[in-house]
N, C-alpha and C. Protein backbone atom coordinates (compact mmCIF):
# COMPACT_ATOMS: atom_id res chain seq x y z
N MET A 1 -121.09 -81.41 33.40
CA MET A 1 -119.76 -81.56 32.81
C MET A 1 -119.90 -80.87 31.95
N ALA A 2 -120.54 -80.01 31.00
CA ALA A 2 -120.01 -79.15 30.09
C ALA A 2 -119.88 -77.70 30.33
N GLU A 3 -120.45 -77.51 31.62
CA GLU A 3 -120.34 -76.21 32.69
C GLU A 3 -119.09 -76.52 32.53
N ASP A 4 -117.63 -77.57 32.81
CA ASP A 4 -116.71 -77.25 33.90
C ASP A 4 -115.40 -77.66 32.03
N ALA A 5 -116.12 -78.22 31.15
CA ALA A 5 -115.29 -77.90 29.67
C ALA A 5 -115.42 -76.40 28.89
N GLY A 6 -116.00 -75.86 29.88
CA GLY A 6 -116.21 -73.98 29.80
C GLY A 6 -117.57 -73.65 27.94
N ILE A 7 -117.82 -75.17 28.02
CA ILE A 7 -119.25 -74.83 26.33
C ILE A 7 -120.20 -74.31 27.47
N ASP A 8 -121.02 -74.03 26.82
CA ASP A 8 -122.46 -73.61 26.70
C ASP A 8 -123.55 -74.08 26.70
N THR A 9 -124.35 -74.60 27.18
CA THR A 9 -125.18 -75.95 27.12
C THR A 9 -126.15 -74.93 26.02
N PRO A 10 -126.77 -73.66 26.52
CA PRO A 10 -127.76 -73.25 25.56
C PRO A 10 -126.93 -72.79 24.40
N THR A 11 -126.00 -72.57 24.43
CA THR A 11 -125.73 -71.75 23.11
C THR A 11 -124.93 -73.65 22.12
N LEU A 12 -124.35 -74.49 22.24
CA LEU A 12 -124.47 -75.39 21.77
C LEU A 12 -126.16 -75.85 20.82
N ALA A 13 -127.10 -75.49 22.07
CA ALA A 13 -128.33 -76.18 21.99
C ALA A 13 -128.98 -75.62 20.58
N ALA A 14 -128.82 -74.09 20.69
CA ALA A 14 -129.21 -72.97 19.66
C ALA A 14 -128.33 -73.19 18.59
N GLU A 15 -127.29 -73.31 18.07
CA GLU A 15 -126.39 -73.07 16.69
C GLU A 15 -126.75 -74.94 16.67
N GLU A 16 -127.13 -75.62 16.64
CA GLU A 16 -127.63 -77.08 15.99
C GLU A 16 -128.68 -76.99 15.87
N GLY A 17 -129.61 -76.14 16.31
CA GLY A 17 -131.36 -75.65 16.56
C GLY A 17 -131.65 -74.74 15.02
N VAL A 18 -130.47 -74.01 14.68
CA VAL A 18 -130.61 -73.52 13.80
C VAL A 18 -129.86 -74.27 12.63
N ARG A 19 -128.69 -74.70 12.43
CA ARG A 19 -127.97 -75.62 11.75
C ARG A 19 -129.57 -76.59 10.90
N ARG A 20 -130.21 -77.77 12.25
CA ARG A 20 -131.60 -77.54 12.08
C ARG A 20 -132.69 -77.02 10.94
N ARG A 21 -133.02 -76.17 11.22
CA ARG A 21 -133.73 -74.98 10.64
C ARG A 21 -133.61 -74.61 8.96
N ASP A 22 -132.18 -74.82 9.16
CA ASP A 22 -131.95 -74.24 7.83
C ASP A 22 -131.64 -75.09 6.63
N PHE A 23 -131.56 -76.77 7.88
CA PHE A 23 -131.89 -77.58 6.56
C PHE A 23 -133.24 -78.22 6.92
N ILE A 24 -134.24 -77.77 7.44
CA ILE A 24 -135.58 -77.96 7.08
C ILE A 24 -136.30 -77.13 5.98
N ASN A 25 -135.19 -75.81 6.31
CA ASN A 25 -136.43 -74.50 5.14
C ASN A 25 -135.13 -74.98 3.30
N ILE A 26 -134.16 -75.48 3.55
CA ILE A 26 -133.84 -76.34 2.47
C ILE A 26 -134.39 -77.02 1.98
N ALA A 27 -134.64 -77.85 2.57
CA ALA A 27 -135.18 -79.00 2.09
C ALA A 27 -136.72 -78.26 1.31
N ALA A 28 -137.39 -77.75 2.67
CA ALA A 28 -138.48 -77.35 2.11
C ALA A 28 -139.04 -77.17 0.89
N VAL A 29 -137.96 -75.92 0.76
CA VAL A 29 -137.84 -75.51 -0.40
C VAL A 29 -137.72 -75.99 -1.73
N SER A 30 -136.70 -77.18 -1.91
CA SER A 30 -136.22 -77.83 -3.03
C SER A 30 -137.50 -78.72 -2.90
N ALA A 31 -138.07 -79.36 -1.96
CA ALA A 31 -139.43 -80.04 -3.02
C ALA A 31 -140.17 -79.35 -3.65
N ALA A 32 -140.65 -78.20 -2.37
CA ALA A 32 -142.00 -77.27 -3.64
C ALA A 32 -140.83 -76.97 -5.00
N GLY A 33 -139.90 -76.34 -5.44
CA GLY A 33 -139.41 -76.54 -6.60
C GLY A 33 -139.72 -77.43 -6.90
N VAL A 34 -139.23 -78.77 -7.01
CA VAL A 34 -139.16 -80.68 -7.55
C VAL A 34 -140.64 -80.05 -8.22
N GLY A 35 -141.41 -79.69 -7.23
CA GLY A 35 -143.07 -80.55 -6.61
C GLY A 35 -143.96 -79.41 -8.01
N GLY A 36 -143.12 -78.21 -7.71
CA GLY A 36 -143.27 -77.15 -9.01
C GLY A 36 -143.39 -77.65 -10.28
N LEU A 37 -141.92 -77.70 -10.41
CA LEU A 37 -141.66 -78.78 -12.02
C LEU A 37 -142.58 -79.70 -12.56
N ALA A 38 -142.63 -80.56 -11.32
CA ALA A 38 -143.59 -82.17 -12.13
C ALA A 38 -145.14 -81.33 -12.59
N THR A 39 -145.26 -80.23 -11.67
CA THR A 39 -146.73 -79.67 -12.28
C THR A 39 -146.89 -79.04 -14.16
N LEU A 40 -145.98 -78.69 -13.86
CA LEU A 40 -145.60 -77.38 -15.04
C LEU A 40 -145.43 -78.38 -15.82
N TYR A 41 -144.04 -79.26 -15.89
CA TYR A 41 -143.93 -80.08 -17.60
C TYR A 41 -145.29 -80.34 -18.52
N PRO A 42 -146.29 -81.35 -17.17
CA PRO A 42 -146.90 -81.97 -18.41
C PRO A 42 -148.12 -80.47 -18.73
N LEU A 43 -147.91 -79.55 -18.49
CA LEU A 43 -148.57 -78.12 -19.00
C LEU A 43 -148.14 -77.90 -20.35
N ILE A 44 -147.09 -77.00 -20.16
CA ILE A 44 -145.82 -77.01 -20.85
C ILE A 44 -145.60 -78.12 -21.99
N SER A 45 -145.88 -79.47 -21.35
CA SER A 45 -145.26 -79.90 -23.11
C SER A 45 -146.39 -80.44 -23.50
N GLN A 46 -147.66 -80.37 -22.96
CA GLN A 46 -149.08 -80.85 -23.78
C GLN A 46 -149.47 -79.17 -24.83
N MET A 47 -149.20 -78.45 -24.72
CA MET A 47 -149.23 -76.61 -25.69
C MET A 47 -147.97 -77.08 -27.13
N SER A 48 -147.14 -78.15 -26.92
CA SER A 48 -146.02 -77.78 -27.91
C SER A 48 -147.69 -79.16 -29.28
N ALA A 49 -146.54 -79.31 -30.29
CA ALA A 49 -147.07 -79.56 -31.22
C ALA A 49 -147.78 -81.18 -31.71
N SER A 50 -148.82 -81.70 -31.76
CA SER A 50 -148.51 -82.99 -32.07
C SER A 50 -148.15 -83.99 -33.05
N GLU A 51 -147.82 -84.94 -33.18
CA GLU A 51 -147.13 -85.56 -33.99
C GLU A 51 -147.36 -85.51 -35.50
N ASP A 52 -149.18 -85.53 -35.68
CA ASP A 52 -149.65 -85.19 -37.49
C ASP A 52 -149.38 -83.90 -37.66
N VAL A 53 -149.35 -82.58 -36.65
CA VAL A 53 -148.84 -80.87 -37.01
C VAL A 53 -147.66 -80.94 -37.44
N LEU A 54 -146.93 -81.80 -36.99
CA LEU A 54 -145.72 -81.69 -37.06
C LEU A 54 -145.24 -82.38 -38.87
N ALA A 55 -146.14 -83.89 -38.52
CA ALA A 55 -145.80 -84.08 -39.99
C ALA A 55 -146.34 -82.64 -41.44
N LEU A 56 -147.48 -82.23 -40.70
CA LEU A 56 -147.59 -81.27 -41.89
C LEU A 56 -146.85 -80.19 -42.41
N SER A 57 -145.65 -79.67 -41.29
CA SER A 57 -145.42 -78.79 -41.23
C SER A 57 -144.48 -78.61 -42.87
N SER A 58 -144.01 -80.11 -43.57
CA SER A 58 -143.40 -80.25 -44.42
C SER A 58 -143.79 -80.36 -45.28
N THR A 59 -143.90 -80.47 -46.69
CA THR A 59 -143.78 -81.64 -47.85
C THR A 59 -142.34 -81.53 -48.49
N GLU A 60 -142.24 -83.13 -48.99
CA GLU A 60 -141.79 -82.70 -50.37
C GLU A 60 -141.94 -83.09 -51.44
N VAL A 61 -141.59 -82.80 -52.66
CA VAL A 61 -142.69 -82.81 -53.87
C VAL A 61 -141.37 -83.56 -54.66
N ASP A 62 -141.76 -84.26 -55.69
CA ASP A 62 -141.11 -84.90 -56.91
C ASP A 62 -141.30 -84.26 -58.20
N LEU A 63 -140.47 -83.34 -58.31
CA LEU A 63 -140.03 -82.38 -59.84
C LEU A 63 -140.06 -83.12 -61.24
N SER A 64 -138.99 -84.25 -61.38
CA SER A 64 -139.20 -84.94 -62.36
C SER A 64 -140.12 -84.93 -63.58
N ALA A 65 -141.59 -84.93 -62.86
CA ALA A 65 -141.92 -85.43 -64.28
C ALA A 65 -142.76 -84.02 -64.66
N ILE A 66 -142.54 -83.18 -63.57
CA ILE A 66 -143.15 -81.45 -64.87
C ILE A 66 -142.16 -81.19 -65.96
N GLU A 67 -143.26 -80.75 -66.78
CA GLU A 67 -142.46 -80.70 -67.86
C GLU A 67 -142.23 -79.04 -68.17
N PRO A 68 -141.39 -78.18 -68.94
CA PRO A 68 -140.99 -77.12 -69.00
C PRO A 68 -142.54 -76.54 -69.28
N GLY A 69 -143.32 -75.53 -68.93
CA GLY A 69 -145.21 -75.02 -69.05
C GLY A 69 -145.86 -75.31 -68.40
N GLN A 70 -145.29 -76.87 -67.81
CA GLN A 70 -146.47 -76.99 -67.18
C GLN A 70 -145.98 -76.92 -65.04
N ALA A 71 -147.60 -77.14 -65.14
CA ALA A 71 -147.93 -76.50 -63.32
C ALA A 71 -148.56 -78.02 -62.62
N ILE A 72 -148.43 -77.72 -61.12
CA ILE A 72 -149.05 -79.24 -61.01
C ILE A 72 -149.46 -78.17 -59.88
N LYS A 73 -150.27 -78.75 -58.87
CA LYS A 73 -150.98 -78.12 -57.75
C LYS A 73 -150.71 -79.43 -56.26
N ALA A 74 -150.07 -78.93 -55.42
CA ALA A 74 -149.52 -79.94 -54.63
C ALA A 74 -150.72 -78.91 -53.53
N ILE A 75 -150.63 -80.24 -51.67
CA ILE A 75 -150.62 -79.26 -50.78
C ILE A 75 -149.66 -79.57 -49.71
N PHE A 76 -149.80 -77.95 -49.32
CA PHE A 76 -148.71 -78.10 -48.44
C PHE A 76 -149.84 -77.47 -46.60
N ARG A 77 -149.47 -77.72 -45.48
CA ARG A 77 -150.32 -77.33 -44.34
C ARG A 77 -152.19 -77.00 -44.71
N LYS A 78 -151.94 -78.57 -45.66
CA LYS A 78 -154.25 -78.40 -45.74
C LYS A 78 -154.18 -76.94 -46.93
N GLN A 79 -152.62 -76.28 -47.11
CA GLN A 79 -153.07 -74.98 -48.71
C GLN A 79 -152.86 -76.11 -49.90
N PRO A 80 -153.27 -75.38 -51.50
CA PRO A 80 -152.79 -75.39 -52.71
C PRO A 80 -151.36 -74.95 -52.69
N VAL A 81 -150.44 -75.53 -53.44
CA VAL A 81 -149.63 -75.02 -53.82
C VAL A 81 -149.01 -74.88 -55.40
N PHE A 82 -148.83 -73.98 -55.83
CA PHE A 82 -148.57 -74.43 -57.08
C PHE A 82 -146.83 -74.06 -57.55
N ILE A 83 -147.00 -75.28 -58.13
CA ILE A 83 -145.49 -75.30 -58.85
C ILE A 83 -145.17 -75.72 -60.10
N ARG A 84 -144.66 -74.32 -61.06
CA ARG A 84 -144.10 -74.16 -62.20
C ARG A 84 -143.57 -74.37 -63.37
N ASN A 85 -142.80 -75.05 -63.61
CA ASN A 85 -141.39 -75.70 -64.51
C ASN A 85 -141.60 -74.33 -65.51
N LEU A 86 -141.43 -73.51 -65.11
CA LEU A 86 -141.17 -72.09 -66.82
C LEU A 86 -140.37 -72.05 -67.31
N THR A 87 -141.04 -72.45 -68.88
CA THR A 87 -140.11 -72.12 -70.14
C THR A 87 -139.39 -71.22 -69.91
N PRO A 88 -137.90 -70.53 -70.83
CA PRO A 88 -137.19 -69.70 -71.21
C PRO A 88 -138.49 -68.13 -72.12
N ALA A 89 -139.39 -68.97 -72.32
CA ALA A 89 -139.71 -67.72 -73.30
C ALA A 89 -140.80 -67.00 -71.98
N GLU A 90 -141.19 -67.90 -70.83
CA GLU A 90 -141.94 -67.22 -70.26
C GLU A 90 -140.94 -66.29 -69.29
N ILE A 91 -139.99 -67.14 -68.54
CA ILE A 91 -139.04 -66.37 -67.97
C ILE A 91 -138.35 -65.28 -68.28
N ALA A 92 -138.43 -65.36 -69.76
CA ALA A 92 -137.96 -63.81 -70.87
C ALA A 92 -139.07 -62.75 -70.46
N GLU A 93 -140.28 -63.50 -70.44
CA GLU A 93 -141.96 -62.72 -70.33
C GLU A 93 -141.82 -62.05 -69.20
N ALA A 94 -141.50 -62.51 -68.62
CA ALA A 94 -140.91 -62.07 -66.77
C ALA A 94 -140.34 -61.25 -67.08
N ASP A 95 -139.79 -61.49 -67.01
CA ASP A 95 -138.53 -60.48 -66.83
C ASP A 95 -138.44 -58.97 -67.47
N LYS A 96 -138.85 -58.57 -69.05
CA LYS A 96 -139.07 -58.14 -69.31
C LYS A 96 -140.35 -56.82 -68.28
N VAL A 97 -140.87 -57.23 -67.63
CA VAL A 97 -142.71 -56.30 -67.05
C VAL A 97 -141.55 -55.78 -66.82
N ASP A 98 -141.91 -53.88 -66.68
CA ASP A 98 -141.16 -52.67 -65.69
C ASP A 98 -142.09 -53.54 -64.53
N VAL A 99 -141.27 -53.13 -63.24
CA VAL A 99 -141.41 -53.82 -62.23
C VAL A 99 -142.30 -52.24 -61.22
N ALA A 100 -141.80 -51.61 -61.99
CA ALA A 100 -142.52 -50.23 -60.80
C ALA A 100 -143.38 -50.13 -61.06
N SER A 101 -144.02 -50.83 -62.48
CA SER A 101 -145.21 -50.44 -62.84
C SER A 101 -146.49 -51.54 -61.84
N LEU A 102 -145.36 -52.80 -60.91
CA LEU A 102 -146.33 -53.89 -60.60
C LEU A 102 -147.01 -53.06 -59.22
N ARG A 103 -147.77 -54.02 -58.34
CA ARG A 103 -148.84 -53.06 -57.48
C ARG A 103 -147.92 -53.75 -56.43
N ASP A 104 -147.44 -55.22 -56.65
CA ASP A 104 -146.66 -55.50 -54.90
C ASP A 104 -144.98 -56.24 -55.82
N PRO A 105 -144.30 -55.09 -56.34
CA PRO A 105 -143.37 -54.61 -57.63
C PRO A 105 -142.14 -55.87 -56.54
N GLN A 106 -142.17 -57.29 -57.39
CA GLN A 106 -140.64 -58.37 -56.67
C GLN A 106 -140.54 -59.00 -58.85
N THR A 107 -139.71 -58.97 -58.59
CA THR A 107 -138.14 -58.94 -60.22
C THR A 107 -138.88 -61.14 -59.54
N LEU A 108 -139.00 -61.67 -61.17
CA LEU A 108 -138.87 -63.25 -61.04
C LEU A 108 -137.45 -63.98 -59.87
N ALA A 109 -136.65 -63.44 -60.18
CA ALA A 109 -135.38 -63.93 -59.59
C ALA A 109 -135.68 -63.33 -57.85
N GLU A 110 -136.32 -62.50 -57.67
CA GLU A 110 -136.51 -62.21 -55.99
C GLU A 110 -137.97 -63.34 -55.50
N ARG A 111 -139.02 -63.75 -56.43
CA ARG A 111 -139.08 -64.96 -55.99
C ARG A 111 -139.17 -66.00 -56.20
N THR A 112 -137.60 -66.56 -57.16
CA THR A 112 -137.76 -68.19 -57.25
C THR A 112 -136.29 -67.83 -56.73
N GLN A 113 -134.83 -69.66 -57.03
CA GLN A 113 -134.03 -69.54 -55.52
C GLN A 113 -133.21 -69.60 -57.14
N GLU A 114 -132.16 -68.86 -56.77
CA GLU A 114 -130.70 -68.85 -57.53
C GLU A 114 -130.22 -70.85 -57.80
N GLY A 115 -129.86 -70.83 -59.73
CA GLY A 115 -129.52 -71.70 -59.68
C GLY A 115 -131.07 -72.33 -60.38
N HIS A 116 -132.32 -72.00 -59.98
CA HIS A 116 -133.50 -73.49 -60.28
C HIS A 116 -134.55 -71.78 -60.90
N GLU A 117 -134.06 -70.87 -61.89
CA GLU A 117 -134.57 -69.76 -61.61
C GLU A 117 -136.60 -70.64 -62.34
N ASN A 118 -135.71 -71.14 -63.12
CA ASN A 118 -137.62 -72.46 -64.15
C ASN A 118 -138.14 -72.77 -63.31
N TRP A 119 -138.40 -72.50 -61.50
CA TRP A 119 -139.22 -73.03 -60.61
C TRP A 119 -139.75 -72.32 -59.99
N LEU A 120 -141.02 -72.16 -60.36
CA LEU A 120 -141.70 -71.39 -59.25
C LEU A 120 -142.73 -71.94 -57.97
N ILE A 121 -142.01 -71.39 -57.17
CA ILE A 121 -143.59 -72.46 -56.09
C ILE A 121 -143.49 -71.47 -55.10
N THR A 122 -145.09 -71.04 -55.44
CA THR A 122 -146.26 -70.38 -54.98
C THR A 122 -146.82 -71.02 -54.11
N MET A 123 -147.56 -69.87 -52.87
CA MET A 123 -149.52 -70.79 -52.19
C MET A 123 -150.47 -70.55 -53.40
N GLY A 124 -151.15 -71.59 -53.58
CA GLY A 124 -152.39 -71.11 -54.10
C GLY A 124 -153.47 -70.82 -53.83
N VAL A 125 -153.20 -69.46 -53.13
CA VAL A 125 -153.89 -69.21 -52.96
C VAL A 125 -154.40 -67.49 -53.18
N CYS A 126 -154.93 -67.31 -52.96
CA CYS A 126 -155.52 -65.69 -53.79
C CYS A 126 -155.22 -64.58 -52.30
N THR A 127 -154.27 -63.19 -52.66
CA THR A 127 -154.45 -62.47 -51.91
C THR A 127 -155.62 -62.49 -51.25
N HIS A 128 -156.59 -61.87 -52.23
CA HIS A 128 -157.75 -60.99 -51.71
C HIS A 128 -158.53 -61.13 -50.70
N LEU A 129 -159.29 -62.77 -51.02
CA LEU A 129 -159.93 -63.29 -49.97
C LEU A 129 -160.19 -64.37 -49.52
N GLY A 130 -158.93 -65.33 -50.65
CA GLY A 130 -158.41 -66.54 -50.15
C GLY A 130 -158.81 -67.62 -50.71
N CYS A 131 -159.73 -67.19 -51.88
CA CYS A 131 -160.14 -68.29 -53.05
C CYS A 131 -158.84 -68.83 -54.13
N VAL A 132 -158.78 -70.75 -54.59
CA VAL A 132 -157.94 -71.29 -55.45
C VAL A 132 -158.31 -70.45 -56.47
N PRO A 133 -157.15 -69.84 -57.38
CA PRO A 133 -157.09 -69.10 -58.43
C PRO A 133 -157.05 -71.13 -59.71
N SER A 134 -157.65 -70.27 -60.37
CA SER A 134 -157.72 -71.17 -61.49
C SER A 134 -155.83 -70.93 -62.87
N GLY A 135 -155.37 -71.98 -63.45
CA GLY A 135 -154.48 -72.16 -64.50
C GLY A 135 -153.31 -72.27 -64.57
N VAL A 136 -153.40 -73.96 -63.06
CA VAL A 136 -152.24 -75.11 -62.91
C VAL A 136 -152.95 -76.08 -63.89
N ALA A 137 -153.74 -76.53 -64.31
CA ALA A 137 -154.64 -77.59 -64.99
C ALA A 137 -154.27 -77.08 -66.39
N GLU A 138 -154.61 -78.44 -67.54
CA GLU A 138 -154.94 -78.32 -68.49
C GLU A 138 -155.67 -78.05 -69.07
N GLY A 139 -156.04 -76.74 -69.92
CA GLY A 139 -157.82 -75.76 -70.40
C GLY A 139 -157.69 -75.47 -69.23
N GLU A 140 -157.27 -74.74 -67.79
CA GLU A 140 -158.11 -74.30 -67.37
C GLU A 140 -157.28 -72.39 -67.81
N VAL A 141 -158.94 -71.76 -67.17
CA VAL A 141 -158.49 -69.97 -67.89
C VAL A 141 -156.90 -69.58 -66.77
N LYS A 142 -156.30 -68.88 -67.54
CA LYS A 142 -155.18 -68.68 -67.14
C LYS A 142 -154.93 -66.90 -66.59
N GLY A 143 -155.78 -66.56 -67.30
CA GLY A 143 -155.83 -64.86 -66.67
C GLY A 143 -155.65 -63.84 -68.38
N GLU A 144 -155.76 -63.13 -68.21
CA GLU A 144 -154.69 -62.16 -69.08
C GLU A 144 -153.62 -62.33 -69.27
N PHE A 145 -152.96 -62.66 -68.74
CA PHE A 145 -151.37 -62.38 -68.13
C PHE A 145 -150.97 -63.63 -68.48
N GLY A 146 -151.51 -64.87 -68.66
CA GLY A 146 -150.66 -66.54 -68.57
C GLY A 146 -150.48 -66.87 -67.77
N GLY A 147 -150.65 -66.51 -66.37
CA GLY A 147 -150.22 -67.28 -65.01
C GLY A 147 -151.33 -67.76 -64.13
N TYR A 148 -152.41 -67.29 -63.38
CA TYR A 148 -153.03 -67.88 -62.91
C TYR A 148 -154.32 -67.01 -62.76
N PHE A 149 -155.73 -66.79 -62.82
CA PHE A 149 -157.07 -66.19 -62.06
C PHE A 149 -157.80 -66.75 -61.54
N CYS A 150 -158.07 -65.70 -60.69
CA CYS A 150 -159.42 -66.32 -59.54
C CYS A 150 -159.97 -65.98 -60.29
N PRO A 151 -160.92 -66.32 -59.97
CA PRO A 151 -162.39 -67.00 -60.48
C PRO A 151 -163.81 -66.49 -59.85
N CYS A 152 -163.91 -66.19 -58.27
CA CYS A 152 -164.35 -65.38 -57.40
C CYS A 152 -163.74 -63.65 -57.27
N HIS A 153 -163.38 -62.74 -57.69
CA HIS A 153 -163.18 -61.78 -58.07
C HIS A 153 -162.42 -60.68 -58.87
N GLY A 154 -161.95 -62.15 -60.32
CA GLY A 154 -161.07 -61.37 -60.88
C GLY A 154 -159.49 -60.79 -60.96
N SER A 155 -159.06 -61.55 -60.07
CA SER A 155 -158.29 -61.06 -59.88
C SER A 155 -157.09 -62.08 -61.23
N HIS A 156 -156.02 -61.03 -61.90
CA HIS A 156 -155.25 -61.85 -62.43
C HIS A 156 -153.79 -62.28 -62.34
N TYR A 157 -153.29 -62.80 -62.46
CA TYR A 157 -151.71 -62.90 -62.33
C TYR A 157 -151.05 -63.92 -63.44
N ASP A 158 -150.19 -62.82 -63.69
CA ASP A 158 -148.75 -63.41 -64.59
C ASP A 158 -147.83 -65.19 -64.84
N VAL A 159 -147.54 -64.86 -65.18
CA VAL A 159 -146.33 -66.59 -65.39
C VAL A 159 -145.40 -65.95 -63.59
N ALA A 160 -145.03 -65.17 -63.48
CA ALA A 160 -144.30 -65.54 -62.60
C ALA A 160 -145.31 -65.15 -60.77
N ALA A 161 -146.64 -65.46 -60.83
CA ALA A 161 -147.65 -64.93 -59.76
C ALA A 161 -148.12 -63.52 -59.35
N ARG A 162 -147.64 -62.72 -59.96
CA ARG A 162 -147.15 -61.48 -59.43
C ARG A 162 -148.50 -60.61 -60.17
N ILE A 163 -149.76 -60.15 -59.13
CA ILE A 163 -150.82 -59.56 -59.56
C ILE A 163 -150.60 -58.39 -60.42
N ARG A 164 -151.54 -59.23 -61.12
CA ARG A 164 -151.37 -57.69 -62.11
C ARG A 164 -153.04 -56.65 -63.03
N LYS A 165 -153.57 -57.39 -62.31
CA LYS A 165 -155.04 -56.44 -62.32
C LYS A 165 -156.17 -57.45 -61.68
N GLY A 166 -157.34 -56.79 -60.90
CA GLY A 166 -157.89 -57.42 -60.06
C GLY A 166 -158.15 -56.52 -58.50
N PRO A 167 -158.78 -57.01 -57.45
CA PRO A 167 -158.65 -56.98 -56.36
C PRO A 167 -157.69 -57.29 -55.40
N ALA A 168 -157.15 -58.64 -55.88
CA ALA A 168 -156.18 -58.80 -54.73
C ALA A 168 -154.31 -57.76 -54.54
N PRO A 169 -154.68 -56.98 -53.76
CA PRO A 169 -153.62 -57.21 -52.81
C PRO A 169 -151.98 -56.98 -53.34
N LEU A 170 -151.60 -58.22 -53.29
CA LEU A 170 -150.46 -58.93 -53.15
C LEU A 170 -150.36 -60.02 -54.11
N ASN A 171 -148.60 -59.92 -54.45
CA ASN A 171 -148.71 -61.12 -55.50
C ASN A 171 -148.78 -63.14 -54.33
N LEU A 172 -148.96 -63.82 -55.17
CA LEU A 172 -149.21 -64.85 -54.85
C LEU A 172 -147.86 -64.96 -53.89
N GLN A 173 -147.92 -65.98 -52.71
CA GLN A 173 -147.39 -65.38 -51.34
C GLN A 173 -146.14 -67.00 -52.71
N VAL A 174 -145.17 -67.19 -51.70
CA VAL A 174 -143.95 -67.66 -52.42
C VAL A 174 -143.34 -68.50 -50.95
N PRO A 175 -143.64 -69.71 -50.87
CA PRO A 175 -143.34 -70.15 -49.41
C PRO A 175 -142.13 -70.51 -48.87
N GLU A 176 -141.60 -71.06 -47.67
CA GLU A 176 -140.00 -71.33 -47.35
C GLU A 176 -140.17 -73.05 -48.47
N TYR A 177 -138.82 -72.86 -49.41
CA TYR A 177 -138.27 -74.08 -49.39
C TYR A 177 -137.32 -74.03 -50.12
N GLU A 178 -136.34 -75.52 -50.27
CA GLU A 178 -135.21 -75.54 -50.43
C GLU A 178 -135.75 -77.12 -51.21
N PHE A 179 -134.45 -76.96 -52.06
CA PHE A 179 -133.96 -78.49 -53.46
C PHE A 179 -133.14 -78.89 -52.79
N LEU A 180 -133.78 -80.62 -52.36
CA LEU A 180 -133.17 -81.28 -51.61
C LEU A 180 -131.82 -82.13 -53.22
N SER A 181 -132.53 -82.10 -54.33
CA SER A 181 -131.75 -82.50 -54.82
C SER A 181 -132.91 -81.65 -56.64
N ASP A 182 -132.39 -81.49 -57.69
CA ASP A 182 -132.16 -80.85 -59.23
C ASP A 182 -133.88 -81.82 -59.04
N THR A 183 -133.68 -82.15 -57.89
CA THR A 183 -135.54 -83.05 -58.89
C THR A 183 -136.42 -82.89 -57.64
N VAL A 184 -136.24 -83.05 -57.17
CA VAL A 184 -137.25 -82.52 -55.11
C VAL A 184 -136.80 -81.53 -53.93
N VAL A 185 -137.93 -81.06 -54.12
CA VAL A 185 -138.04 -80.16 -53.38
C VAL A 185 -139.21 -80.22 -52.34
N LYS A 186 -138.40 -79.71 -50.79
CA LYS A 186 -138.79 -80.07 -49.74
C LYS A 186 -139.65 -78.49 -49.80
N ILE A 187 -140.90 -78.21 -49.32
CA ILE A 187 -141.73 -77.34 -48.88
C ILE A 187 -142.07 -77.01 -47.52
N GLY A 188 -141.91 -76.30 -47.01
CA GLY A 188 -141.79 -75.59 -45.51
C GLY A 188 -140.68 -76.04 -44.55
């Protein structure tokens, strides 16, 4: 009967076969793609930071109890952070230093934020070999320039935490931070 209607039976079978083969190829590639994604997702997601690490990615500090001229030590990413409330006299002293004479030239304005020039926030890690400088607590040695002193190898930092004497190559690092209010700062 198919010959009477002018339809060649082998051609019809060949067209159906091609269509079936295309469907099988598309289904197989799709299944392989879904399987690949199902395999890769757990591998990639396990590389992201865990909740305890994300919790350490920033820290908030209340500045309301820090008097002018006083400094505190906080912890950020398991490292000490020095937060100092500079007095007008300390700001003037830092501003009168010839920046060109410094090993790592930076002004106090470059190390603080506009509108909060009295708040100096630095990492409490000496840039020489990673010791923790003194000069934060009352009675600690502040070095020849009234800032911080690293007892390990004798680096002296001024009130703006800039290296002035000793083997440290750079100023104390200023971390990324933002003021959430006049009395709260978020570090990180």
